[in-house]
Protein backbone atom coordinates (compact mmCIF):
# COMPACT_ATOMS: atom_id res chain seq x y z
CA UNK A 1 -68.49 -30.99 -51.11
CA UNK A 2 -65.17 -29.04 -51.71
CA UNK A 3 -64.65 -31.03 -54.94
CA UNK A 4 -68.24 -30.19 -56.15
CA UNK A 5 -67.61 -26.48 -55.43
CA UNK A 6 -64.37 -26.46 -57.38
CA UNK A 7 -66.09 -28.25 -60.25
CA UNK A 8 -68.90 -25.70 -60.26
CA UNK A 9 -66.51 -22.74 -60.35
CA UNK A 10 -64.52 -24.27 -63.22
CA UNK A 11 -67.63 -25.17 -65.23
CA UNK A 12 -69.12 -21.71 -64.77
CA UNK A 13 -65.81 -20.05 -65.81
CA UNK A 14 -65.56 -22.29 -68.91
CA UNK A 15 -69.28 -21.65 -69.79
CA UNK A 16 -69.03 -17.86 -69.56
CA UNK A 17 -65.93 -17.76 -71.62
CA UNK A 18 -67.53 -19.88 -74.26
CA UNK A 19 -70.48 -17.65 -74.86
CA UNK A 20 -70.67 -14.06 -76.15
CA UNK A 21 -74.39 -13.24 -76.01
CA UNK A 22 -76.98 -12.79 -73.29
CA UNK A 23 -78.91 -15.77 -74.73
CA UNK A 24 -75.64 -17.83 -74.66
CA UNK A 25 -75.06 -16.98 -71.10
CA UNK A 26 -78.56 -18.14 -70.05
CA UNK A 27 -78.07 -21.42 -72.01
CA UNK A 28 -74.56 -21.93 -70.44
CA UNK A 29 -76.00 -21.40 -66.95
CA UNK A 30 -78.80 -23.76 -67.58
CA UNK A 31 -76.37 -26.47 -68.63
CA UNK A 32 -74.21 -25.79 -65.69
CA UNK A 33 -77.24 -26.05 -63.43
CA UNK A 34 -78.22 -29.40 -65.04
CA UNK A 35 -74.62 -30.72 -64.50
CA UNK A 36 -74.72 -29.68 -60.88
CA UNK A 37 -78.28 -31.28 -60.36
CA UNK A 38 -77.03 -34.52 -61.99
CA UNK A 39 -74.01 -34.61 -59.65
CA UNK A 40 -76.26 -33.95 -56.60
CA UNK A 41 -78.46 -36.95 -57.54
CA UNK A 42 -75.46 -39.38 -57.38
């Protein structure tokens, strides 16, 4: 669980640093959510 939390924080930090518009933030958050959902299904 701790590894998942660390991964999530790093992914969000990377996603937020990669986008510079409100629309981009929404897309990055959606991608991070998809990644978390995929990890949870495993």
